[in-house]
Protein backbone atom coordinates (compact mmCIF):
# COMPACT_ATOMS: atom_id res chain seq x y z
CA MET A 1 -15.02 18.95 6.54
CA ASP A 2 -17.83 18.03 8.92
CA GLU A 3 -16.38 18.13 12.46
CA HIS A 4 -18.49 15.09 13.32
CA ASP A 5 -16.62 13.04 10.72
CA VAL A 6 -13.30 13.42 12.54
CA PRO A 7 -12.26 10.32 14.53
CA ALA A 8 -13.07 10.95 18.18
CA GLU A 9 -9.44 10.32 19.18
CA LEU A 10 -8.31 13.14 16.87
CA ALA A 11 -10.95 15.74 17.69
CA GLY A 12 -9.47 19.21 17.21
CA ARG A 13 -6.23 17.80 15.78
CA TRP A 14 -7.13 16.47 12.32
CA ARG A 15 -8.33 18.21 9.16
CA ARG A 16 -8.87 15.97 6.15
CA SER A 17 -8.15 17.18 2.65
CA VAL A 18 -8.86 14.01 0.63
CA VAL A 19 -9.81 10.35 1.02
CA LEU A 20 -7.02 8.20 -0.43
CA LYS A 21 -8.52 4.76 0.03
CA ARG A 22 -11.54 3.03 1.51
CA ASP A 23 -12.05 -0.70 1.97
CA VAL A 24 -13.58 -3.09 4.48
CA PHE A 25 -10.51 -2.92 6.73
CA SER A 26 -9.83 0.82 6.97
CA ILE A 27 -10.24 4.31 5.58
CA VAL A 28 -7.07 6.19 4.62
CA GLU A 29 -7.14 9.98 4.49
CA ARG A 30 -4.59 12.68 3.81
CA GLY A 31 -4.73 15.97 5.64
CA THR A 32 -3.20 18.09 8.38
CA PHE A 33 -2.36 16.83 11.86
CA ARG A 34 -1.75 19.15 14.77
CA GLY A 35 1.22 17.84 16.71
CA PRO A 36 3.30 19.35 19.51
CA ASP A 37 5.36 21.33 16.98
CA GLY A 38 2.40 22.59 14.93
CA ASP A 39 0.48 21.44 11.86
CA ILE A 40 2.11 18.96 9.50
CA ASP A 41 1.10 17.02 6.38
CA ALA A 42 0.01 13.56 7.46
CA VAL A 43 -1.97 10.45 6.60
CA VAL A 44 -4.59 8.86 8.84
CA ARG A 45 -5.69 5.25 8.85
CA ARG A 46 -8.99 4.88 10.71
CA ILE A 47 -11.12 1.85 11.49
CA ASP A 48 -13.97 3.56 13.34
CA ASP A 49 -16.31 3.18 10.36
CA VAL A 50 -15.50 -0.31 9.05
CA PRO A 51 -18.13 -3.10 8.97
CA TRP A 52 -18.58 -4.92 12.27
CA TRP A 53 -17.52 -8.27 10.80
CA THR A 54 -14.07 -7.00 9.80
CA ARG A 55 -13.29 -5.07 13.00
CA PRO A 56 -11.25 -7.81 14.73
CA LEU A 57 -8.91 -8.09 11.72
CA ALA A 58 -8.91 -4.32 11.23
CA ARG A 59 -7.74 -3.83 14.83
CA LEU A 60 -5.00 -6.43 14.35
CA PHE A 61 -3.79 -4.74 11.15
CA LEU A 62 -3.83 -1.32 12.83
CA ARG A 63 -1.75 -2.56 15.77
CA ARG A 64 0.75 -4.25 13.44
CA GLU A 65 1.23 -1.08 11.41
CA ALA A 66 1.61 1.10 14.50
CA ARG A 67 4.21 -1.23 15.99
CA ALA A 68 6.21 -1.40 12.75
CA LEU A 69 6.19 2.36 12.15
CA ALA A 70 7.26 3.05 15.74
CA LEU A 71 10.33 0.89 15.09
CA ILE A 72 11.33 1.84 11.57
CA GLY A 73 9.90 5.33 11.07
CA PRO A 74 13.03 6.90 12.62
CA LEU A 75 15.20 5.00 10.10
CA GLY A 76 14.09 7.22 7.21
CA ILE A 77 12.70 4.40 5.05
CA ALA A 78 9.01 4.66 5.93
CA PRO A 79 6.48 7.12 7.38
CA ARG A 80 6.99 8.18 11.00
CA LEU A 81 4.32 7.25 13.51
CA LEU A 82 2.79 10.49 14.81
CA PHE A 83 -0.13 9.14 16.83
CA SER A 84 -1.56 5.73 17.67
CA GLY A 85 -4.95 5.08 19.22
CA GLU A 86 -7.49 2.31 19.52
CA ARG A 87 -9.15 3.01 16.17
CA VAL A 88 -6.78 5.35 14.39
CA LEU A 89 -3.15 5.97 13.63
CA VAL A 90 -1.46 8.99 12.11
CA ARG A 91 1.71 8.70 10.05
CA SER A 92 3.82 11.34 8.35
CA PHE A 93 3.20 12.07 4.67
CA ILE A 94 5.91 11.05 2.21
CA ASP A 95 6.09 13.15 -0.94
CA GLY A 96 6.27 10.43 -3.57
CA VAL A 97 4.33 8.12 -5.87
CA PRO A 98 3.82 4.34 -5.93
CA LEU A 99 6.14 2.20 -7.99
CA HIS A 100 3.50 1.30 -10.60
CA ILE A 101 3.03 5.01 -11.32
CA ALA A 102 6.67 6.10 -11.03
CA ARG A 103 7.83 3.25 -13.29
CA PRO A 104 11.59 3.76 -12.68
CA VAL A 105 12.75 2.00 -15.84
CA GLY A 106 16.55 1.88 -15.91
CA ASP A 107 16.83 3.71 -12.58
CA ARG A 108 19.54 1.71 -10.83
CA GLY A 109 19.88 4.33 -8.12
CA TYR A 110 16.29 3.80 -7.03
CA PHE A 111 16.81 0.06 -6.64
CA ARG A 112 20.07 0.53 -4.74
CA SER A 113 18.07 2.73 -2.38
CA ALA A 114 15.32 0.10 -2.19
CA ARG A 115 17.85 -2.61 -1.28
CA ALA A 116 19.31 -0.38 1.43
CA ALA A 117 15.80 0.25 2.80
CA LEU A 118 15.18 -3.50 2.93
CA ARG A 119 18.43 -4.04 4.85
CA LYS A 120 17.40 -1.43 7.42
CA LEU A 121 13.95 -2.99 7.71
CA HIS A 122 15.33 -6.44 8.38
CA GLY A 123 18.05 -5.01 10.60
CA ALA A 124 15.23 -3.85 12.87
CA ARG A 125 13.92 -7.46 12.82
CA VAL A 126 10.76 -6.40 10.98
CA CYS A 127 9.39 -8.16 7.88
CA HIS A 128 6.93 -6.33 5.66
CA ASN A 129 5.15 -9.42 4.22
CA ASP A 130 3.35 -7.45 1.49
CA LEU A 131 6.05 -6.20 -0.85
CA ALA A 132 4.71 -8.02 -3.89
CA LYS A 133 2.41 -5.02 -4.36
CA GLU A 134 4.04 -2.19 -6.25
CA GLN A 135 1.87 0.33 -4.41
CA ASN A 136 3.71 -0.50 -1.18
CA TRP A 137 6.96 0.81 -2.69
CA LEU A 138 7.17 4.58 -3.09
CA ARG A 139 9.55 6.64 -5.18
CA GLY A 140 10.08 9.82 -3.22
CA ALA A 141 10.50 13.26 -4.75
CA ASP A 142 14.17 12.85 -3.80
CA GLY A 143 14.41 9.73 -5.98
CA ARG A 144 14.82 7.38 -3.02
CA ALA A 145 12.78 4.30 -2.15
CA TYR A 146 10.34 4.27 0.77
CA LEU A 147 8.10 1.53 2.12
CA THR A 148 4.49 1.95 3.21
CA ASP A 149 1.41 0.00 4.36
CA PHE A 150 2.65 -2.19 7.20
CA GLN A 151 -0.67 -3.81 8.10
CA LEU A 152 0.70 -7.31 7.47
CA SER A 153 4.11 -6.70 8.99
CA ALA A 154 5.50 -8.97 11.69
CA ARG A 155 8.52 -9.55 13.92
CA PRO A 156 9.05 -13.31 13.67
CA SER A 157 12.11 -14.96 15.14
CA GLY A 158 14.52 -17.65 14.12
CA LYS A 159 13.73 -19.63 11.00
CA MET A 160 10.41 -17.85 10.41
CA PHE A 161 12.20 -14.50 10.30
CA ARG A 162 14.65 -15.83 7.73
CA LEU A 163 11.83 -17.18 5.59
CA ALA A 164 9.82 -13.94 5.75
CA ALA A 165 12.89 -11.79 5.06
CA TYR A 166 13.76 -14.02 2.09
CA GLU A 167 10.30 -13.46 0.62
CA ASP A 168 10.60 -9.68 1.13
CA LEU A 169 13.89 -9.87 -0.79
CA ARG A 170 12.43 -12.03 -3.54
CA HIS A 171 9.57 -9.60 -4.11
CA TYR A 172 12.02 -6.70 -4.25
CA LEU A 173 13.97 -8.59 -6.90
CA LYS A 174 10.82 -9.20 -8.94
CA HIS A 175 10.30 -5.44 -9.15
CA LYS A 176 13.97 -4.91 -9.97
CA ARG A 177 13.64 -7.47 -12.76
CA SER A 178 10.67 -5.56 -14.16
CA TYR A 179 12.42 -2.18 -14.34
CA VAL A 180 16.20 -2.81 -14.49
CA PRO A 181 16.61 -6.46 -15.55
CA ASP A 182 20.18 -5.92 -16.76
CA ALA A 183 21.18 -4.92 -13.21
CA LEU A 184 20.34 -8.32 -11.71
CA THR A 185 23.33 -10.30 -10.46
CA ALA A 186 23.71 -14.05 -10.84
CA ALA A 187 22.96 -14.52 -7.12
CA GLU A 188 19.80 -12.43 -7.43
CA ARG A 189 18.62 -14.51 -10.37
CA ARG A 190 19.05 -17.62 -8.26
CA VAL A 191 16.89 -16.10 -5.51
CA LEU A 192 14.19 -15.27 -8.04
CA ALA A 193 14.20 -18.83 -9.30
CA ARG A 194 13.75 -20.36 -5.85
CA LYS A 195 10.54 -19.79 -3.87
CA SER A 196 10.48 -20.71 -0.21
CA TRP A 197 8.37 -23.70 0.84
CA VAL A 198 6.01 -21.29 2.62
CA THR A 199 5.27 -19.52 -0.66
CA VAL A 200 4.79 -22.77 -2.54
CA ALA A 201 2.32 -23.97 0.09
CA TRP A 202 0.53 -20.60 0.14
CA MET A 203 0.13 -20.53 -3.65
CA ALA A 204 -1.31 -24.04 -3.64
CA THR A 205 -3.73 -23.62 -0.73
CA GLY A 206 -4.12 -20.42 1.27
CA LYS A 207 -4.03 -17.99 -1.64
CA ARG A 208 -7.08 -19.58 -3.21
CA VAL A 209 -9.05 -19.11 0.00
CA TYR A 210 -7.73 -15.55 0.32
CA LEU A 211 -8.84 -14.63 -3.19
CA TRP A 212 -12.25 -16.23 -2.67
CA VAL A 213 -12.80 -14.26 0.55
CA THR A 214 -11.40 -10.91 -0.57
CA ARG A 215 -12.54 -10.77 -4.20
CA GLY A 216 -15.58 -13.02 -4.00
CA LEU A 217 -17.06 -12.40 -0.56
CA PHE A 218 -15.85 -8.85 0.16
CA ARG A 219 -15.57 -7.69 -3.48
CA PHE A 220 -12.23 -6.24 -2.46
CA THR A 221 -9.43 -5.58 -4.95
CA ASP A 222 -5.87 -4.80 -3.89
CA ARG A 223 -4.94 -1.78 -5.96
CA GLU A 224 -4.09 1.39 -4.10
CA GLY A 225 -5.99 4.34 -5.45
CA GLY A 226 -8.05 2.21 -7.82
CA GLY A 227 -9.83 -0.61 -6.11
CA PRO A 228 -12.70 -2.57 -7.61
CA ARG A 229 -14.06 0.37 -9.58
CA LEU A 230 -11.01 0.50 -11.85
CA VAL A 231 -10.72 -3.27 -12.04
CA ASN A 232 -14.39 -4.20 -12.44
CA ASP A 233 -16.24 -1.10 -13.70
CA ALA A 234 -13.69 0.62 -15.92
CA PRO A 235 -13.51 -2.12 -18.61
CA LEU A 236 -17.32 -2.07 -18.92
CA ILE A 237 -17.32 1.73 -19.28
CA VAL A 238 -14.58 1.59 -21.90
CA ALA A 239 -16.33 -1.14 -23.90
CA LYS A 240 -19.65 0.70 -23.83
CA LEU A 241 -18.20 4.01 -24.96
CA LYS A 242 -15.99 2.48 -27.64
CA GLY A 243 -19.12 0.93 -29.11
CA ARG A 244 -20.14 4.40 -30.27
CA ALA A 245 -19.17 5.32 -33.81
CA ASP A 246 -18.07 8.82 -32.76
CA VAL A 247 -15.63 7.59 -30.08
CA ARG A 248 -12.08 6.67 -31.06
CA ASP A 249 -10.62 6.01 -27.62
CA VAL A 250 -11.45 6.24 -23.90
CA VAL A 251 -9.31 6.95 -20.84
CA VAL A 252 -10.61 6.07 -17.37
CA VAL A 253 -8.82 7.39 -14.29
CA ALA A 254 -9.52 7.23 -10.55
CA PHE A 255 -10.23 10.01 -8.08
CA PRO A 256 -10.80 9.71 -4.32
CA ASP A 257 -14.42 9.99 -3.25
CA ARG A 258 -15.48 10.53 0.35
CA ARG A 259 -18.52 8.27 0.14
CA VAL A 260 -17.47 5.32 -2.04
CA GLY A 261 -13.69 5.62 -1.80
CA THR A 262 -12.92 5.78 -5.54
CA GLY A 263 -14.70 7.50 -8.39
CA THR A 264 -14.06 6.91 -12.08
CA PRO A 265 -14.26 9.95 -14.37
CA TYR A 266 -13.59 9.31 -18.03
CA ARG A 267 -12.64 11.21 -21.16
CA THR A 268 -13.48 10.24 -24.70
CA PHE A 269 -11.45 11.03 -27.81
CA SER A 270 -13.38 11.46 -31.04
């Protein structure tokens, strides 16, 4: 790796192995971090190379994640915060895969672990605020649930904490319903059926603006490891290749690319 491509705050302490994600708010890399006890597997989120017009939000997201990880990392339900700077943070690497890849169908143990993680999170008075995304739930190599990506996390108080915690719970239950629907209790089904007034208002107003800004203006797609290339480009590639008489099927997958964030190799089956 080019030594000049290391964030200035991590000079001499970071060696990247792969780019995991790149968008207008941050670049996420996996590699090796040199801490006081030696080199360890870690993940870096850096905002030193984001567009100037997203830097204020990028800084806010970085501070939120650093604050949340400092509080809950020691609880064993999320990455530990290893370093926090003005334009970079380093968190420990969790050996696991996102929920949409792990697909723990029928795995009640995983969802018991996920519920316990949520209790610990809220016990620390932290709300994640982005648990609707399956990529923010990990299934560790040990079979347990872990949470990641705390850019939107917050520590509200009073009624706002209860509302945010309720929405975290409701999103957890939506995932549980997808993979172990027979494990849902009657109380959990009632929670799923009742959105908070904040969510109802967001769906009717703010979400439309959010989608217009992120997907229309920034061309940004929320899908860890895939991004807009898998969402926008892959269907066009598949359609074009399947139009050939000698192609029976096409598989498009993602790989991390240092320059554009995500590449899309494909394989055809004749």
